[in-house]
Amino acid sequence: MLNPTIRIAHEEDATAIHAIYAPSVTDGVATFETELPGVAAMRERIRARLKHYPWLVWEEAGEVLAYAYAGRFRERAAYDWIAETSIYVRADAHRRGIARRLYGVLLEAMKLQGINQAVGVITLPGTVSVAMHEAMDFCAAGVWRQCGYKLGQWWDVGVWQKELQTPTATPAPIIPFPQLENSPKLHALLS
C-alpha cells in the first residue's frame, strides 16, 4: 500500500466518490438507487451528511479508493442512537483489507458521537458484504423479503446490527460530527 490515509471526506472528493459509486447504481445491487446521480448531487450528499454524521475516505497517492459513511436510520427522535452505515471500495482496490479498516474507523467515530448501534443493510446474497460485517461482529437481525426490484428481478435485503457501546438509562444527545472535527480522539483514529 502506498501511504494510505483515512480522512474526513470533503466536497472536492465528489468526482472520485461518484466514480466508485456508479457501477453499484448501473450494474449492481449494493444500492437500490436506479438513476445515477451526478457529481453535483454527490457533492451535496457529502455536504449534507457531514452536518451530522461521519463520511470518511481511504486515500492512497492522492487517489480516493474507498469511502464509508453513517446516516440516520429512521426519522423519529427515539432512533437518534442508531445509525445506518455504508461502504464502497473502488473495483481495483478490492481484497486488500481496505473495507475492514475504513469501516472500523467509521464505527469508532460513531462511538465518539455517542451512537450505540450500527446497522448494515445488505442486498442478498451479498456474500462478501455479509462476511465482512460478521467478521466485524455484526449479527444478523432480519431479512426483508423481495423488497427491492432492480436489474429485472426482486431482491431480499438482510439487516446486520452491531452494538457499539452499551446504551445508558438516560442517553446524552448525539454529538454532531462537526463538533468532533478538532477532537484528539478523532484525530487519533484518522491516519
C-alpha atoms as a PDB file:
ATOM      1  CA  MET A   1       0.000   0.000   0.000  1.00  0.00           C
ATOM      2  CA  LEU A   2       1.199   3.461  -0.857  1.00  0.00           C
ATOM      3  CA  ASN A   3       0.923   5.655   2.250  1.00  0.00           C
ATOM      4  CA  PRO A   4      -2.784   5.135   2.870  1.00  0.00           C
ATOM      5  CA  THR A   5      -4.671   7.874   4.659  1.00  0.00           C
ATOM      6  CA  ILE A   6      -8.088   7.744   6.258  1.00  0.00           C
ATOM      7  CA  ARG A   7      -9.566  11.213   6.419  1.00  0.00           C
ATOM      8  CA  ILE A   8     -12.825  13.106   6.526  1.00  0.00           C
ATOM      9  CA  ALA A   9     -14.355  13.476   3.080  1.00  0.00           C
ATOM     10  CA  HIS A  10     -14.743  16.907   1.572  1.00  0.00           C
ATOM     11  CA  GLU A  11     -16.852  18.162  -1.287  1.00  0.00           C
ATOM     12  CA  GLU A  12     -13.899  18.033  -3.689  1.00  0.00           C
ATOM     13  CA  ASP A  13     -13.978  14.225  -3.334  1.00  0.00           C
ATOM     14  CA  ALA A  14     -17.345  14.105  -5.121  1.00  0.00           C
ATOM     15  CA  THR A  15     -15.916  13.172  -8.519  1.00  0.00           C
ATOM     16  CA  ALA A  16     -13.905  10.234  -7.163  1.00  0.00           C
ATOM     17  CA  ILE A  17     -16.752   9.099  -4.918  1.00  0.00           C
ATOM     18  CA  HIS A  18     -19.184   9.321  -7.835  1.00  0.00           C
ATOM     19  CA  ALA A  19     -16.879   7.109  -9.937  1.00  0.00           C
ATOM     20  CA  ILE A  20     -16.660   4.490  -7.157  1.00  0.00           C
ATOM     21  CA  TYR A  21     -20.437   4.523  -6.636  1.00  0.00           C
ATOM     22  CA  ALA A  22     -21.520   4.493 -10.312  1.00  0.00           C
ATOM     23  CA  PRO A  23     -21.101   0.736 -11.007  1.00  0.00           C
ATOM     24  CA  SER A  24     -23.268  -0.106  -7.974  1.00  0.00           C
ATOM     25  CA  VAL A  25     -26.067   2.006  -9.446  1.00  0.00           C
ATOM     26  CA  THR A  26     -25.779   0.993 -13.098  1.00  0.00           C
ATOM     27  CA  ASP A  27     -24.686  -2.649 -12.867  1.00  0.00           C
ATOM     28  CA  GLY A  28     -25.074  -3.859  -9.284  1.00  0.00           C
ATOM     29  CA  VAL A  29     -27.443  -4.187  -6.377  1.00  0.00           C
ATOM     30  CA  ALA A  30     -25.329  -2.900  -3.482  1.00  0.00           C
ATOM     31  CA  THR A  31     -27.638   0.112  -3.728  1.00  0.00           C
ATOM     32  CA  PHE A  32     -31.238   0.205  -4.846  1.00  0.00           C
ATOM     33  CA  GLU A  33     -30.699   3.596  -6.440  1.00  0.00           C
ATOM     34  CA  THR A  34     -31.521   3.102 -10.130  1.00  0.00           C
ATOM     35  CA  GLU A  35     -30.672   6.505 -11.601  1.00  0.00           C
ATOM     36  CA  LEU A  36     -27.051   7.600 -11.420  1.00  0.00           C
ATOM     37  CA  PRO A  37     -26.787  10.884  -9.533  1.00  0.00           C
ATOM     38  CA  GLY A  38     -24.475  13.498 -10.945  1.00  0.00           C
ATOM     39  CA  VAL A  39     -21.261  14.724  -9.360  1.00  0.00           C
ATOM     40  CA  ALA A  40     -23.071  17.840  -8.109  1.00  0.00           C
ATOM     41  CA  ALA A  41     -25.652  15.645  -6.350  1.00  0.00           C
ATOM     42  CA  MET A  42     -22.868  13.602  -4.765  1.00  0.00           C
ATOM     43  CA  ARG A  43     -21.178  16.796  -3.605  1.00  0.00           C
ATOM     44  CA  GLU A  44     -24.431  17.855  -1.929  1.00  0.00           C
ATOM     45  CA  ARG A  45     -24.825  14.438  -0.282  1.00  0.00           C
ATOM     46  CA  ILE A  46     -21.347  14.722   1.230  1.00  0.00           C
ATOM     47  CA  ARG A  47     -22.005  18.254   2.452  1.00  0.00           C
ATOM     48  CA  ALA A  48     -25.406  17.394   3.933  1.00  0.00           C
ATOM     49  CA  ARG A  49     -24.336  14.151   5.615  1.00  0.00           C
ATOM     50  CA  LEU A  50     -21.264  15.726   7.246  1.00  0.00           C
ATOM     51  CA  LYS A  51     -23.522  18.118   9.145  1.00  0.00           C
ATOM     52  CA  HIS A  52     -24.448  15.212  11.441  1.00  0.00           C
ATOM     53  CA  TYR A  53     -22.534  12.017  10.654  1.00  0.00           C
ATOM     54  CA  PRO A  54     -19.065  10.876   9.603  1.00  0.00           C
ATOM     55  CA  TRP A  55     -18.159  10.415   5.957  1.00  0.00           C
ATOM     56  CA  LEU A  56     -14.625   9.085   5.598  1.00  0.00           C
ATOM     57  CA  VAL A  57     -12.393   8.252   2.641  1.00  0.00           C
ATOM     58  CA  TRP A  58      -9.407   5.978   2.118  1.00  0.00           C
ATOM     59  CA  GLU A  59      -6.798   7.757   0.036  1.00  0.00           C
ATOM     60  CA  GLU A  60      -3.548   6.481  -1.486  1.00  0.00           C
ATOM     61  CA  ALA A  61      -1.133   8.554  -3.550  1.00  0.00           C
ATOM     62  CA  GLY A  62      -3.752  11.299  -3.806  1.00  0.00           C
ATOM     63  CA  GLU A  63      -6.498   8.954  -5.071  1.00  0.00           C
ATOM     64  CA  VAL A  64      -9.695   8.083  -3.202  1.00  0.00           C
ATOM     65  CA  LEU A  65     -10.046   4.288  -3.303  1.00  0.00           C
ATOM     66  CA  ALA A  66     -12.936   3.840  -0.871  1.00  0.00           C
ATOM     67  CA  TYR A  67     -15.451   5.718   1.228  1.00  0.00           C
ATOM     68  CA  ALA A  68     -17.675   4.924   4.183  1.00  0.00           C
ATOM     69  CA  TYR A  69     -20.363   6.929   5.911  1.00  0.00           C
ATOM     70  CA  ALA A  70     -23.081   6.775   8.511  1.00  0.00           C
ATOM     71  CA  GLY A  71     -26.562   8.181   8.219  1.00  0.00           C
ATOM     72  CA  ARG A  72     -29.842   8.469  10.002  1.00  0.00           C
ATOM     73  CA  PHE A  73     -31.569   5.099  10.417  1.00  0.00           C
ATOM     74  CA  ARG A  74     -35.138   6.431  10.789  1.00  0.00           C
ATOM     75  CA  GLU A  75     -36.587   9.921  11.196  1.00  0.00           C
ATOM     76  CA  ARG A  76     -38.151   9.585  14.667  1.00  0.00           C
ATOM     77  CA  ALA A  77     -36.124  11.087  17.533  1.00  0.00           C
ATOM     78  CA  ALA A  78     -36.169   7.840  19.501  1.00  0.00           C
ATOM     79  CA  TYR A  79     -33.847   6.378  16.826  1.00  0.00           C
ATOM     80  CA  ASP A  80     -31.116   9.001  17.359  1.00  0.00           C
ATOM     81  CA  TRP A  81     -28.710   6.453  18.905  1.00  0.00           C
ATOM     82  CA  ILE A  82     -28.696   4.062  15.933  1.00  0.00           C
ATOM     83  CA  ALA A  83     -27.232   4.821  12.503  1.00  0.00           C
ATOM     84  CA  GLU A  84     -27.064   3.016   9.171  1.00  0.00           C
ATOM     85  CA  THR A  85     -23.633   2.507   7.653  1.00  0.00           C
ATOM     86  CA  SER A  86     -22.426   2.146   4.060  1.00  0.00           C
ATOM     87  CA  ILE A  87     -19.086   1.463   2.414  1.00  0.00           C
ATOM     88  CA  TYR A  88     -17.944   1.346  -1.195  1.00  0.00           C
ATOM     89  CA  VAL A  89     -14.495   0.332  -2.477  1.00  0.00           C
ATOM     90  CA  ARG A  90     -13.156   1.001  -5.968  1.00  0.00           C
ATOM     91  CA  ALA A  91     -13.133  -2.227  -8.018  1.00  0.00           C
ATOM     92  CA  ASP A  92      -9.351  -2.299  -8.436  1.00  0.00           C
ATOM     93  CA  ALA A  93      -8.846  -1.963  -4.655  1.00  0.00           C
ATOM     94  CA  HIS A  94     -10.921  -4.965  -3.543  1.00  0.00           C
ATOM     95  CA  ARG A  95      -9.442  -7.774  -1.425  1.00  0.00           C
ATOM     96  CA  ARG A  96      -6.789  -5.602   0.258  1.00  0.00           C
ATOM     97  CA  GLY A  97      -8.388  -5.170   3.686  1.00  0.00           C
ATOM     98  CA  ILE A  98      -9.321  -1.564   2.972  1.00  0.00           C
ATOM     99  CA  ALA A  99     -13.021  -2.052   3.711  1.00  0.00           C
ATOM    100  CA  ARG A 100     -12.488  -3.575   7.146  1.00  0.00           C
ATOM    101  CA  ARG A 101     -10.006  -0.926   8.234  1.00  0.00           C
ATOM    102  CA  LEU A 102     -12.019   2.020   6.924  1.00  0.00           C
ATOM    103  CA  TYR A 103     -15.269   0.611   8.327  1.00  0.00           C
ATOM    104  CA  GLY A 104     -13.571   0.073  11.690  1.00  0.00           C
ATOM    105  CA  VAL A 105     -12.583   3.737  11.872  1.00  0.00           C
ATOM    106  CA  LEU A 106     -16.106   4.762  10.876  1.00  0.00           C
ATOM    107  CA  LEU A 107     -17.583   2.692  13.719  1.00  0.00           C
ATOM    108  CA  GLU A 108     -15.145   4.183  16.235  1.00  0.00           C
ATOM    109  CA  ALA A 109     -16.026   7.703  15.073  1.00  0.00           C
ATOM    110  CA  MET A 110     -19.706   6.872  15.570  1.00  0.00           C
ATOM    111  CA  LYS A 111     -18.946   5.751  19.129  1.00  0.00           C
ATOM    112  CA  LEU A 112     -17.317   9.128  19.782  1.00  0.00           C
ATOM    113  CA  GLN A 113     -20.607  10.734  18.754  1.00  0.00           C
ATOM    114  CA  GLY A 114     -22.485   8.628  21.302  1.00  0.00           C
ATOM    115  CA  ILE A 115     -24.137   6.333  18.752  1.00  0.00           C
ATOM    116  CA  ASN A 116     -24.899   2.949  20.345  1.00  0.00           C
ATOM    117  CA  GLN A 117     -25.888   0.808  17.366  1.00  0.00           C
ATOM    118  CA  ALA A 118     -24.722   0.451  13.766  1.00  0.00           C
ATOM    119  CA  VAL A 119     -26.902  -1.166  11.109  1.00  0.00           C
ATOM    120  CA  GLY A 120     -25.706  -2.553   7.795  1.00  0.00           C
ATOM    121  CA  VAL A 121     -28.360  -3.183   5.135  1.00  0.00           C
ATOM    122  CA  ILE A 122     -27.179  -5.735   2.560  1.00  0.00           C
ATOM    123  CA  THR A 123     -28.790  -6.907  -0.661  1.00  0.00           C
ATOM    124  CA  LEU A 124     -28.714 -10.705  -0.515  1.00  0.00           C
ATOM    125  CA  PRO A 125     -26.900 -12.915  -1.109  1.00  0.00           C
ATOM    126  CA  GLY A 126     -24.175 -10.236  -0.664  1.00  0.00           C
ATOM    127  CA  THR A 127     -21.626 -12.880   0.310  1.00  0.00           C
ATOM    128  CA  VAL A 128     -18.614 -10.554   0.586  1.00  0.00           C
ATOM    129  CA  SER A 129     -20.502  -7.865   2.494  1.00  0.00           C
ATOM    130  CA  VAL A 130     -22.108 -10.382   4.846  1.00  0.00           C
ATOM    131  CA  ALA A 131     -18.705 -11.954   5.564  1.00  0.00           C
ATOM    132  CA  MET A 132     -17.137  -8.551   6.285  1.00  0.00           C
ATOM    133  CA  HIS A 133     -19.952  -7.488   8.611  1.00  0.00           C
ATOM    134  CA  GLU A 134     -19.894 -10.764  10.502  1.00  0.00           C
ATOM    135  CA  ALA A 135     -16.093 -10.621  10.809  1.00  0.00           C
ATOM    136  CA  MET A 136     -16.610  -7.214  12.440  1.00  0.00           C
ATOM    137  CA  ASP A 137     -19.078  -8.674  14.978  1.00  0.00           C
ATOM    138  CA  PHE A 138     -22.307  -7.575  13.311  1.00  0.00           C
ATOM    139  CA  CYS A 139     -25.172 -10.026  13.919  1.00  0.00           C
ATOM    140  CA  ALA A 140     -27.954 -10.891  11.510  1.00  0.00           C
ATOM    141  CA  ALA A 141     -31.079  -9.039  12.623  1.00  0.00           C
ATOM    142  CA  GLY A 142     -33.608  -9.955   9.948  1.00  0.00           C
ATOM    143  CA  VAL A 143     -34.492 -10.165   6.290  1.00  0.00           C
ATOM    144  CA  TRP A 144     -36.877  -8.032   4.261  1.00  0.00           C
ATOM    145  CA  ARG A 145     -38.178 -10.420   1.583  1.00  0.00           C
ATOM    146  CA  GLN A 146     -38.411  -9.308  -2.050  1.00  0.00           C
ATOM    147  CA  CYS A 147     -38.371  -5.666  -1.070  1.00  0.00           C
ATOM    148  CA  GLY A 148     -36.389  -4.217  -3.973  1.00  0.00           C
ATOM    149  CA  TYR A 149     -36.806  -4.606  -7.719  1.00  0.00           C
ATOM    150  CA  LYS A 150     -33.691  -3.888  -9.752  1.00  0.00           C
ATOM    151  CA  LEU A 151     -31.993  -5.316 -12.842  1.00  0.00           C
ATOM    152  CA  GLY A 152     -35.088  -7.297 -13.760  1.00  0.00           C
ATOM    153  CA  GLN A 153     -35.659  -9.162 -10.525  1.00  0.00           C
ATOM    154  CA  TRP A 154     -36.765  -8.944  -6.897  1.00  0.00           C
ATOM    155  CA  TRP A 155     -34.117  -8.900  -4.170  1.00  0.00           C
ATOM    156  CA  ASP A 156     -34.145  -9.749  -0.480  1.00  0.00           C
ATOM    157  CA  VAL A 157     -32.340  -7.416   1.905  1.00  0.00           C
ATOM    158  CA  GLY A 158     -30.671  -8.538   5.103  1.00  0.00           C
ATOM    159  CA  VAL A 159     -30.098  -6.328   8.125  1.00  0.00           C
ATOM    160  CA  TRP A 160     -26.979  -6.727  10.266  1.00  0.00           C
ATOM    161  CA  GLN A 161     -26.628  -4.915  13.588  1.00  0.00           C
ATOM    162  CA  LYS A 162     -23.697  -4.183  15.895  1.00  0.00           C
ATOM    163  CA  GLU A 163     -23.766  -2.726  19.392  1.00  0.00           C
ATOM    164  CA  LEU A 164     -21.047  -0.073  19.517  1.00  0.00           C
ATOM    165  CA  GLN A 165     -21.479   0.646  23.202  1.00  0.00           C
ATOM    166  CA  THR A 166     -23.939  -0.247  25.927  1.00  0.00           C
ATOM    167  CA  PRO A 167     -26.881   2.152  25.979  1.00  0.00           C
ATOM    168  CA  THR A 168     -27.273   4.164  29.169  1.00  0.00           C
ATOM    169  CA  ALA A 169     -30.556   4.541  31.024  1.00  0.00           C
ATOM    170  CA  THR A 170     -30.751   8.213  30.095  1.00  0.00           C
ATOM    171  CA  PRO A 171     -28.633   8.806  26.977  1.00  0.00           C
ATOM    172  CA  ALA A 172     -26.844  12.041  26.239  1.00  0.00           C
ATOM    173  CA  PRO A 173     -27.718  13.733  22.950  1.00  0.00           C
ATOM    174  CA  ILE A 174     -25.716  12.564  19.950  1.00  0.00           C
ATOM    175  CA  ILE A 175     -22.747  14.821  19.215  1.00  0.00           C
ATOM    176  CA  PRO A 176     -22.973  16.180  15.654  1.00  0.00           C
ATOM    177  CA  PHE A 177     -19.895  15.048  13.729  1.00  0.00           C
ATOM    178  CA  PRO A 178     -18.576  18.592  13.034  1.00  0.00           C
ATOM    179  CA  GLN A 179     -18.193  19.109  16.801  1.00  0.00           C
ATOM    180  CA  LEU A 180     -15.630  16.274  16.800  1.00  0.00           C
ATOM    181  CA  GLU A 181     -13.526  17.751  13.999  1.00  0.00           C
ATOM    182  CA  ASN A 182     -10.863  19.060  16.390  1.00  0.00           C
ATOM    183  CA  SER A 183     -11.136  16.142  18.821  1.00  0.00           C
ATOM    184  CA  PRO A 184      -7.798  14.480  19.641  1.00  0.00           C
ATOM    185  CA  LYS A 185      -9.680  11.169  19.901  1.00  0.00           C
ATOM    186  CA  LEU A 186     -10.972  11.522  16.342  1.00  0.00           C
ATOM    187  CA  HIS A 187      -7.561  12.553  15.007  1.00  0.00           C
ATOM    188  CA  ALA A 188      -6.045   9.500  16.711  1.00  0.00           C
ATOM    189  CA  LEU A 189      -8.408   7.322  14.632  1.00  0.00           C
ATOM    190  CA  LEU A 190      -7.583   9.025  11.350  1.00  0.00           C
ATOM    191  CA  SER A 191      -4.224   8.384   9.757  1.00  0.00           C
END
